[in-house]
Amino acid sequence: MSALAAKKLVRFKFVEAMIEAHGYINRYHIQRCFGLASAAASRVMTEYKAASGNIFTQGYKIYPCGDFKRVFLDIDANEFIAAAEIMAPEKIIIYETVKKLI
């Protein structure tokens, strides 16, 4: 596996862990975890959607997923997020208020 493919896989696993643990992912979570610019974080979500087949409703700057199916994550979501928090350049989870989608 190339280094690029390995990075992409880790990012996809992070997306799935966030959705499974919290019900949604925000572009800022990806930015904080991997130190990416906003455009790069959006690209991660675009690539993830294409690779996973999961359908997202974008609204309020979050990506909720209704009928979520795990494709890449092979460990417990909370364990993955805890490990990501240790390695991330910034705190990933900042408890924020999310408006419910109507």
C-alpha atoms as a PDB file:
ATOM      1  CA  MET A   1       0.000   0.000   0.000  1.00  0.00           C
ATOM      2  CA  SER A   2       1.380   3.398  -0.938  1.00  0.00           C
ATOM      3  CA  ALA A   3       1.822   6.156   1.628  1.00  0.00           C
ATOM      4  CA  LEU A   4      -0.958   8.151  -0.046  1.00  0.00           C
ATOM      5  CA  ALA A   5      -3.354   5.213   0.089  1.00  0.00           C
ATOM      6  CA  ALA A   6      -2.483   4.607   3.749  1.00  0.00           C
ATOM      7  CA  LYS A   7      -3.185   8.273   4.642  1.00  0.00           C
ATOM      8  CA  LYS A   8      -6.500   8.153   2.813  1.00  0.00           C
ATOM      9  CA  LEU A   9      -7.504   4.947   4.603  1.00  0.00           C
ATOM     10  CA  VAL A  10      -6.753   6.450   8.030  1.00  0.00           C
ATOM     11  CA  ARG A  11      -8.806   9.519   7.157  1.00  0.00           C
ATOM     12  CA  PHE A  12     -11.716   7.365   5.978  1.00  0.00           C
ATOM     13  CA  LYS A  13     -11.569   5.355   9.202  1.00  0.00           C
ATOM     14  CA  PHE A  14     -11.660   8.594  11.189  1.00  0.00           C
ATOM     15  CA  VAL A  15     -14.748   9.757   9.284  1.00  0.00           C
ATOM     16  CA  GLU A  16     -16.506   6.478  10.089  1.00  0.00           C
ATOM     17  CA  ALA A  17     -15.456   6.580  13.738  1.00  0.00           C
ATOM     18  CA  MET A  18     -16.857  10.085  14.168  1.00  0.00           C
ATOM     19  CA  ILE A  19     -20.149   9.175  12.508  1.00  0.00           C
ATOM     20  CA  GLU A  20     -20.520   6.002  14.520  1.00  0.00           C
ATOM     21  CA  ALA A  21     -19.624   7.643  17.833  1.00  0.00           C
ATOM     22  CA  HIS A  22     -21.337  11.023  17.379  1.00  0.00           C
ATOM     23  CA  GLY A  23     -23.834  10.597  14.526  1.00  0.00           C
ATOM     24  CA  TYR A  24     -22.168  13.168  12.284  1.00  0.00           C
ATOM     25  CA  ILE A  25     -18.844  14.654  11.249  1.00  0.00           C
ATOM     26  CA  ASN A  26     -17.883  18.268  10.735  1.00  0.00           C
ATOM     27  CA  ARG A  27     -15.199  19.428   8.339  1.00  0.00           C
ATOM     28  CA  TYR A  28     -13.447  21.040  11.321  1.00  0.00           C
ATOM     29  CA  HIS A  29     -13.044  17.633  12.969  1.00  0.00           C
ATOM     30  CA  ILE A  30     -11.006  16.496   9.970  1.00  0.00           C
ATOM     31  CA  GLN A  31      -9.023  19.731   9.967  1.00  0.00           C
ATOM     32  CA  ARG A  32      -8.171  19.416  13.672  1.00  0.00           C
ATOM     33  CA  CYS A  33      -7.300  15.745  13.504  1.00  0.00           C
ATOM     34  CA  PHE A  34      -5.022  15.876  10.479  1.00  0.00           C
ATOM     35  CA  GLY A  35      -3.910  19.522  10.384  1.00  0.00           C
ATOM     36  CA  LEU A  36      -5.560  20.080   7.002  1.00  0.00           C
ATOM     37  CA  ALA A  37      -6.899  23.227   5.369  1.00  0.00           C
ATOM     38  CA  SER A  38     -10.672  23.472   4.940  1.00  0.00           C
ATOM     39  CA  ALA A  39     -10.524  22.673   1.212  1.00  0.00           C
ATOM     40  CA  ALA A  40      -8.496  19.523   1.892  1.00  0.00           C
ATOM     41  CA  ALA A  41     -10.939  18.450   4.624  1.00  0.00           C
ATOM     42  CA  SER A  42     -13.863  18.917   2.231  1.00  0.00           C
ATOM     43  CA  ARG A  43     -11.991  16.833  -0.331  1.00  0.00           C
ATOM     44  CA  VAL A  44     -11.623  14.033   2.252  1.00  0.00           C
ATOM     45  CA  MET A  45     -15.413  14.003   2.668  1.00  0.00           C
ATOM     46  CA  THR A  46     -15.973  14.017  -1.103  1.00  0.00           C
ATOM     47  CA  GLU A  47     -13.555  11.110  -1.557  1.00  0.00           C
ATOM     48  CA  TYR A  48     -15.057   9.230   1.390  1.00  0.00           C
ATOM     49  CA  LYS A  49     -18.601   9.586   0.020  1.00  0.00           C
ATOM     50  CA  ALA A  50     -17.487   8.241  -3.363  1.00  0.00           C
ATOM     51  CA  ALA A  51     -15.537   5.332  -1.866  1.00  0.00           C
ATOM     52  CA  SER A  52     -18.074   4.270   0.776  1.00  0.00           C
ATOM     53  CA  GLY A  53     -21.399   4.752  -0.958  1.00  0.00           C
ATOM     54  CA  ASN A  54     -22.818   6.332   2.209  1.00  0.00           C
ATOM     55  CA  ILE A  55     -25.212   9.195   1.529  1.00  0.00           C
ATOM     56  CA  PHE A  56     -24.908  12.399   3.518  1.00  0.00           C
ATOM     57  CA  THR A  57     -27.213  15.348   3.896  1.00  0.00           C
ATOM     58  CA  GLN A  58     -25.057  18.418   4.152  1.00  0.00           C
ATOM     59  CA  GLY A  59     -26.562  21.093   6.338  1.00  0.00           C
ATOM     60  CA  TYR A  60     -25.490  23.378   9.158  1.00  0.00           C
ATOM     61  CA  LYS A  61     -21.906  22.621   8.067  1.00  0.00           C
ATOM     62  CA  ILE A  62     -22.133  19.021   9.262  1.00  0.00           C
ATOM     63  CA  TYR A  63     -22.358  15.702   7.464  1.00  0.00           C
ATOM     64  CA  PRO A  64     -24.982  13.541   9.175  1.00  0.00           C
ATOM     65  CA  CYS A  65     -25.556  10.065   7.834  1.00  0.00           C
ATOM     66  CA  GLY A  66     -28.870   8.270   8.238  1.00  0.00           C
ATOM     67  CA  ASP A  67     -28.380   4.689   7.072  1.00  0.00           C
ATOM     68  CA  PHE A  68     -24.696   4.519   7.872  1.00  0.00           C
ATOM     69  CA  LYS A  69     -22.720   1.435   6.889  1.00  0.00           C
ATOM     70  CA  ARG A  70     -19.179   0.855   8.076  1.00  0.00           C
ATOM     71  CA  VAL A  71     -16.800   0.192   5.190  1.00  0.00           C
ATOM     72  CA  PHE A  72     -13.279   0.947   6.427  1.00  0.00           C
ATOM     73  CA  LEU A  73     -13.295   1.048  10.245  1.00  0.00           C
ATOM     74  CA  ASP A  74     -12.292  -2.283  11.777  1.00  0.00           C
ATOM     75  CA  ILE A  75     -12.025  -1.358  15.479  1.00  0.00           C
ATOM     76  CA  ASP A  76     -14.268   0.310  18.065  1.00  0.00           C
ATOM     77  CA  ALA A  77     -15.084   3.890  17.039  1.00  0.00           C
ATOM     78  CA  ASN A  78     -14.379   5.374  20.466  1.00  0.00           C
ATOM     79  CA  GLU A  79     -11.002   3.632  20.661  1.00  0.00           C
ATOM     80  CA  PHE A  80     -10.073   4.988  17.233  1.00  0.00           C
ATOM     81  CA  ILE A  81     -11.076   8.533  18.193  1.00  0.00           C
ATOM     82  CA  ALA A  82      -9.157   8.299  21.479  1.00  0.00           C
ATOM     83  CA  ALA A  83      -6.032   7.233  19.581  1.00  0.00           C
ATOM     84  CA  ALA A  84      -6.551  10.015  17.031  1.00  0.00           C
ATOM     85  CA  GLU A  85      -6.857  12.585  19.862  1.00  0.00           C
ATOM     86  CA  ILE A  86      -3.416  11.550  21.125  1.00  0.00           C
ATOM     87  CA  MET A  87      -1.793  12.031  17.706  1.00  0.00           C
ATOM     88  CA  ALA A  88      -3.729  15.093  16.498  1.00  0.00           C
ATOM     89  CA  PRO A  89      -2.105  18.532  16.416  1.00  0.00           C
ATOM     90  CA  GLU A  90      -5.293  20.075  17.913  1.00  0.00           C
ATOM     91  CA  LYS A  91      -8.122  18.856  20.116  1.00  0.00           C
ATOM     92  CA  ILE A  92     -10.570  17.134  17.767  1.00  0.00           C
ATOM     93  CA  ILE A  93     -13.739  17.002  19.789  1.00  0.00           C
ATOM     94  CA  ILE A  94     -14.829  20.341  21.112  1.00  0.00           C
ATOM     95  CA  TYR A  95     -18.275  19.893  22.546  1.00  0.00           C
ATOM     96  CA  GLU A  96     -20.373  22.101  20.374  1.00  0.00           C
ATOM     97  CA  THR A  97     -24.067  22.610  19.988  1.00  0.00           C
ATOM     98  CA  VAL A  98     -25.398  21.099  16.789  1.00  0.00           C
ATOM     99  CA  LYS A  99     -28.805  22.107  15.510  1.00  0.00           C
ATOM    100  CA  LYS A 100     -31.031  19.184  14.657  1.00  0.00           C
ATOM    101  CA  LEU A 101     -31.850  18.902  10.989  1.00  0.00           C
ATOM    102  CA  ILE A 102     -35.514  19.303  10.229  1.00  0.00           C
END
